[in-house]
């Protein structure tokens, strides 16, 4: 188990979320895309919005892909 997995396990246990799967890679990809193509403070906010979407029933990978696509569109439209 790497440090990220360990941290996620510790946090989810503390919050009583032991039966959830955390899509760490997708969350980190969204944060990277938003931070690099939109603005840095948008990264954690976008990750939170991703969490809200998943809590409302969205597929994590699909929601993450949509957010990343928006961030990448923003980058190309600013060129």
C-alpha atoms as a PDB file:
ATOM      1  CA  UNK A   1       0.000   0.000   0.000  1.00  0.00           C
ATOM      2  CA  UNK A   2       1.462   3.371  -0.986  1.00  0.00           C
ATOM      3  CA  UNK A   3       1.207   6.567   1.024  1.00  0.00           C
ATOM      4  CA  UNK A   4      -1.854   7.830  -0.906  1.00  0.00           C
ATOM      5  CA  UNK A   5      -3.716   4.546  -0.398  1.00  0.00           C
ATOM      6  CA  UNK A   6      -2.802   4.605   3.264  1.00  0.00           C
ATOM      7  CA  UNK A   7      -4.048   8.193   3.665  1.00  0.00           C
ATOM      8  CA  UNK A   8      -7.305   7.460   1.827  1.00  0.00           C
ATOM      9  CA  UNK A   9      -7.903   4.384   4.001  1.00  0.00           C
ATOM     10  CA  UNK A  10      -7.247   6.395   7.168  1.00  0.00           C
ATOM     11  CA  UNK A  11      -9.552   9.254   6.166  1.00  0.00           C
ATOM     12  CA  UNK A  12     -12.391   7.037   4.961  1.00  0.00           C
ATOM     13  CA  UNK A  13     -12.211   4.994   8.170  1.00  0.00           C
ATOM     14  CA  UNK A  14     -12.264   8.156  10.294  1.00  0.00           C
ATOM     15  CA  UNK A  15     -15.354   9.384   8.424  1.00  0.00           C
ATOM     16  CA  UNK A  16     -17.107   6.018   8.565  1.00  0.00           C
ATOM     17  CA  UNK A  17     -16.818   5.498   4.805  1.00  0.00           C
ATOM     18  CA  UNK A  18     -15.211   2.083   4.919  1.00  0.00           C
ATOM     19  CA  UNK A  19     -17.468   0.641   2.197  1.00  0.00           C
ATOM     20  CA  UNK A  20     -16.608   3.214  -0.468  1.00  0.00           C
ATOM     21  CA  UNK A  21     -14.132   3.049  -3.308  1.00  0.00           C
ATOM     22  CA  UNK A  22     -12.179   6.254  -3.782  1.00  0.00           C
ATOM     23  CA  UNK A  23     -11.137   6.823  -7.419  1.00  0.00           C
ATOM     24  CA  UNK A  24      -7.860   8.524  -6.490  1.00  0.00           C
ATOM     25  CA  UNK A  25      -6.410   8.496 -10.008  1.00  0.00           C
ATOM     26  CA  UNK A  26      -9.476  10.166 -11.524  1.00  0.00           C
ATOM     27  CA  UNK A  27      -9.588  12.786  -8.763  1.00  0.00           C
ATOM     28  CA  UNK A  28      -5.900  13.583  -9.209  1.00  0.00           C
ATOM     29  CA  UNK A  29      -6.311  13.781 -12.995  1.00  0.00           C
ATOM     30  CA  UNK A  30      -9.186  16.263 -12.619  1.00  0.00           C
ATOM     31  CA  UNK A  31      -7.195  18.339 -10.140  1.00  0.00           C
ATOM     32  CA  UNK A  32      -4.198  18.408 -12.504  1.00  0.00           C
ATOM     33  CA  UNK A  33      -6.257  19.348 -15.562  1.00  0.00           C
ATOM     34  CA  UNK A  34      -8.095  22.133 -13.770  1.00  0.00           C
ATOM     35  CA  UNK A  35      -4.989  23.482 -12.025  1.00  0.00           C
ATOM     36  CA  UNK A  36      -2.965  23.573 -15.241  1.00  0.00           C
ATOM     37  CA  UNK A  37      -5.660  24.703 -17.671  1.00  0.00           C
ATOM     38  CA  UNK A  38      -8.085  26.837 -15.672  1.00  0.00           C
ATOM     39  CA  UNK A  39      -6.698  28.009 -12.320  1.00  0.00           C
ATOM     40  CA  UNK A  40      -5.017  26.368  -9.348  1.00  0.00           C
ATOM     41  CA  UNK A  41      -7.691  27.182  -6.746  1.00  0.00           C
ATOM     42  CA  UNK A  42     -10.225  25.541  -9.046  1.00  0.00           C
ATOM     43  CA  UNK A  43      -8.582  22.131  -8.543  1.00  0.00           C
ATOM     44  CA  UNK A  44      -9.858  21.329  -5.027  1.00  0.00           C
ATOM     45  CA  UNK A  45     -13.219  22.936  -5.758  1.00  0.00           C
ATOM     46  CA  UNK A  46     -13.579  20.825  -8.907  1.00  0.00           C
ATOM     47  CA  UNK A  47     -12.631  17.705  -6.937  1.00  0.00           C
ATOM     48  CA  UNK A  48     -15.369  18.566  -4.448  1.00  0.00           C
ATOM     49  CA  UNK A  49     -17.869  19.052  -7.276  1.00  0.00           C
ATOM     50  CA  UNK A  50     -16.815  15.664  -8.647  1.00  0.00           C
ATOM     51  CA  UNK A  51     -17.602  14.182  -5.236  1.00  0.00           C
ATOM     52  CA  UNK A  52     -21.018  15.828  -5.214  1.00  0.00           C
ATOM     53  CA  UNK A  53     -21.761  14.421  -8.664  1.00  0.00           C
ATOM     54  CA  UNK A  54     -20.725  10.922  -7.597  1.00  0.00           C
ATOM     55  CA  UNK A  55     -22.788  11.201  -4.404  1.00  0.00           C
ATOM     56  CA  UNK A  56     -25.762  12.123  -6.610  1.00  0.00           C
ATOM     57  CA  UNK A  57     -25.249   8.936  -8.630  1.00  0.00           C
ATOM     58  CA  UNK A  58     -22.833   9.894 -11.421  1.00  0.00           C
ATOM     59  CA  UNK A  59     -20.243   7.394 -12.569  1.00  0.00           C
ATOM     60  CA  UNK A  60     -16.895   8.609 -11.168  1.00  0.00           C
ATOM     61  CA  UNK A  61     -14.916   8.003 -14.372  1.00  0.00           C
ATOM     62  CA  UNK A  62     -17.538   9.671 -16.586  1.00  0.00           C
ATOM     63  CA  UNK A  63     -17.915  12.697 -14.314  1.00  0.00           C
ATOM     64  CA  UNK A  64     -14.130  13.073 -14.065  1.00  0.00           C
ATOM     65  CA  UNK A  65     -13.800  12.858 -17.842  1.00  0.00           C
ATOM     66  CA  UNK A  66     -16.422  15.581 -18.293  1.00  0.00           C
ATOM     67  CA  UNK A  67     -14.674  17.932 -15.866  1.00  0.00           C
ATOM     68  CA  UNK A  68     -11.278  17.285 -17.441  1.00  0.00           C
ATOM     69  CA  UNK A  69     -12.714  17.857 -20.922  1.00  0.00           C
ATOM     70  CA  UNK A  70     -14.125  21.212 -19.800  1.00  0.00           C
ATOM     71  CA  UNK A  71     -10.759  22.195 -18.347  1.00  0.00           C
ATOM     72  CA  UNK A  72      -8.925  21.161 -21.503  1.00  0.00           C
ATOM     73  CA  UNK A  73     -11.450  23.055 -23.673  1.00  0.00           C
ATOM     74  CA  UNK A  74     -10.833  26.143 -21.568  1.00  0.00           C
ATOM     75  CA  UNK A  75      -7.121  25.807 -22.222  1.00  0.00           C
ATOM     76  CA  UNK A  76      -7.493  25.479 -25.992  1.00  0.00           C
ATOM     77  CA  UNK A  77     -10.026  28.307 -26.229  1.00  0.00           C
ATOM     78  CA  UNK A  78      -7.613  30.662 -24.423  1.00  0.00           C
ATOM     79  CA  UNK A  79      -4.938  30.068 -27.093  1.00  0.00           C
END
